[in-house]
Amino acid sequence: MMSLELDQARALDLWRNVTVMAVRGEEPDLTARQLAVLMTVHLGPPPHTVRGLALALKVGKPAITRALDTLSRYDLVRRRRDPSDGRNVLVEKTVRGAEFLVGLGDMITSRAAELNR
């Protein structure tokens, strides 16, 4: 049976702790895919399109669309037609999405600090 290295176990424990904190909180409980899309939109350089997000995350466009449906419903991202090419849908940051990620970042840093004591 394979065992985890100490650093791997600590990293997974951090991830587990932050995930538990997130699901107990008031914020939306996002899937890993939804969170990956949200972070890509908010942390990567724009413009973002469904096609571009699918390529960046190496998943199909329907999976990105489903993730965006949820993220849009929570106002974590916004979709709008590209004025220069109506066939494209641009995916944009929102203040609510930035606030969500700041909160997540705070959870990660505070839990990491506790685990490093």
Protein backbone atom coordinates (compact mmCIF):
# COMPACT_ATOMS: atom_id res chain seq x y z
CA MET A 1 0.00 0.00 0.00
CA MET A 2 1.31 3.41 -0.97
CA SER A 3 1.62 6.02 1.79
CA LEU A 4 1.55 9.77 1.58
CA GLU A 5 4.64 11.85 2.15
CA LEU A 6 4.38 14.32 5.03
CA ASP A 7 4.12 17.35 2.69
CA GLN A 8 1.41 15.61 0.65
CA ALA A 9 -0.55 14.72 3.77
CA ARG A 10 -0.30 18.30 5.06
CA ALA A 11 -1.40 19.72 1.70
CA LEU A 12 -4.38 17.38 1.55
CA ASP A 13 -5.26 18.15 5.17
CA LEU A 14 -5.22 21.86 4.33
CA TRP A 15 -7.45 21.26 1.32
CA ARG A 16 -9.82 19.11 3.40
CA ASN A 17 -10.01 21.69 6.19
CA VAL A 18 -10.69 24.58 3.81
CA THR A 19 -13.31 22.52 1.96
CA VAL A 20 -15.07 21.70 5.22
CA MET A 21 -14.96 25.37 6.24
CA ALA A 22 -16.39 26.35 2.86
CA VAL A 23 -19.30 23.90 2.94
CA ARG A 24 -20.19 24.99 6.48
CA GLY A 25 -20.19 28.66 5.51
CA GLU A 26 -22.85 30.86 4.01
CA GLU A 27 -21.23 31.09 0.58
CA PRO A 28 -22.26 28.86 -2.35
CA ASP A 29 -20.91 25.31 -2.25
CA LEU A 30 -19.08 25.10 -5.61
CA THR A 31 -17.80 22.00 -7.38
CA ALA A 32 -14.13 21.72 -8.27
CA ARG A 33 -14.95 22.50 -11.90
CA GLN A 34 -16.99 25.59 -10.99
CA LEU A 35 -14.20 26.80 -8.72
CA ALA A 36 -11.60 26.21 -11.46
CA VAL A 37 -13.67 28.25 -13.93
CA LEU A 38 -14.22 31.02 -11.37
CA MET A 39 -10.51 31.25 -10.53
CA THR A 40 -9.51 31.16 -14.20
CA VAL A 41 -11.84 34.07 -14.99
CA HIS A 42 -10.83 36.13 -11.97
CA LEU A 43 -7.10 35.38 -11.90
CA GLY A 44 -6.28 35.04 -15.59
CA PRO A 45 -5.99 37.84 -18.14
CA PRO A 46 -9.19 38.65 -20.06
CA PRO A 47 -10.94 38.30 -22.38
CA HIS A 48 -12.50 34.96 -21.45
CA THR A 49 -14.82 33.02 -23.70
CA VAL A 50 -16.54 29.66 -23.31
CA ARG A 51 -14.25 28.26 -25.99
CA GLY A 52 -11.14 29.69 -24.34
CA LEU A 53 -12.10 28.40 -20.90
CA ALA A 54 -12.78 24.94 -22.34
CA LEU A 55 -9.34 24.90 -23.95
CA ALA A 56 -7.59 26.22 -20.84
CA LEU A 57 -9.23 23.67 -18.55
CA LYS A 58 -9.21 20.87 -21.14
CA VAL A 59 -12.91 20.10 -20.75
CA GLY A 60 -15.80 20.34 -23.18
CA LYS A 61 -17.75 23.52 -23.85
CA PRO A 62 -20.97 22.00 -22.41
CA ALA A 63 -19.17 21.45 -19.07
CA ILE A 64 -18.02 25.07 -19.07
CA THR A 65 -21.54 26.25 -19.92
CA ARG A 66 -23.02 24.28 -17.01
CA ALA A 67 -20.41 25.70 -14.63
CA LEU A 68 -21.11 29.22 -15.92
CA ASP A 69 -24.85 28.71 -15.42
CA THR A 70 -24.25 28.15 -11.71
CA LEU A 71 -21.60 30.85 -11.34
CA SER A 72 -23.85 33.37 -13.12
CA ARG A 73 -26.80 32.44 -10.91
CA TYR A 74 -24.67 33.36 -7.86
CA ASP A 75 -23.38 36.53 -9.62
CA LEU A 76 -19.79 35.24 -9.37
CA VAL A 77 -19.23 35.83 -13.11
CA ARG A 78 -21.19 37.58 -15.85
CA ARG A 79 -21.76 36.53 -19.44
CA ARG A 80 -22.46 38.89 -22.31
CA ARG A 81 -22.33 38.78 -26.09
CA ASP A 82 -19.11 40.02 -27.64
CA PRO A 83 -20.08 43.29 -29.37
CA SER A 84 -17.45 42.76 -32.07
CA ASP A 85 -18.53 39.15 -32.80
CA GLY A 86 -22.02 38.20 -31.67
CA ARG A 87 -21.18 34.49 -31.94
CA ASN A 88 -18.84 34.74 -28.95
CA VAL A 89 -19.91 34.96 -25.33
CA LEU A 90 -17.55 36.90 -23.09
CA VAL A 91 -17.21 35.81 -19.48
CA GLU A 92 -16.39 38.63 -17.09
CA LYS A 93 -15.48 39.14 -13.46
CA THR A 94 -17.96 40.48 -10.93
CA VAL A 95 -17.43 42.22 -7.62
CA ARG A 96 -19.32 39.37 -5.92
CA GLY A 97 -16.95 36.82 -7.49
CA ALA A 98 -13.91 38.78 -6.33
CA GLU A 99 -15.33 38.96 -2.81
CA PHE A 100 -15.98 35.21 -2.85
CA LEU A 101 -12.37 34.52 -3.83
CA VAL A 102 -11.00 36.94 -1.22
CA GLY A 103 -12.97 35.02 1.41
CA LEU A 104 -11.67 31.71 0.11
CA GLY A 105 -8.12 33.04 0.08
CA ASP A 106 -8.57 34.23 3.67
CA MET A 107 -9.77 30.77 4.70
CA ILE A 108 -6.77 29.14 3.05
CA THR A 109 -4.19 31.47 4.57
CA SER A 110 -5.69 31.36 8.07
CA ARG A 111 -6.01 27.56 8.05
CA ALA A 112 -2.48 27.17 6.65
CA ALA A 113 -1.14 29.39 9.43
CA GLU A 114 -2.94 27.27 12.05
CA LEU A 115 -1.54 24.05 10.59
CA ASN A 116 2.00 25.48 10.55
CA ARG A 117 2.01 26.30 14.26
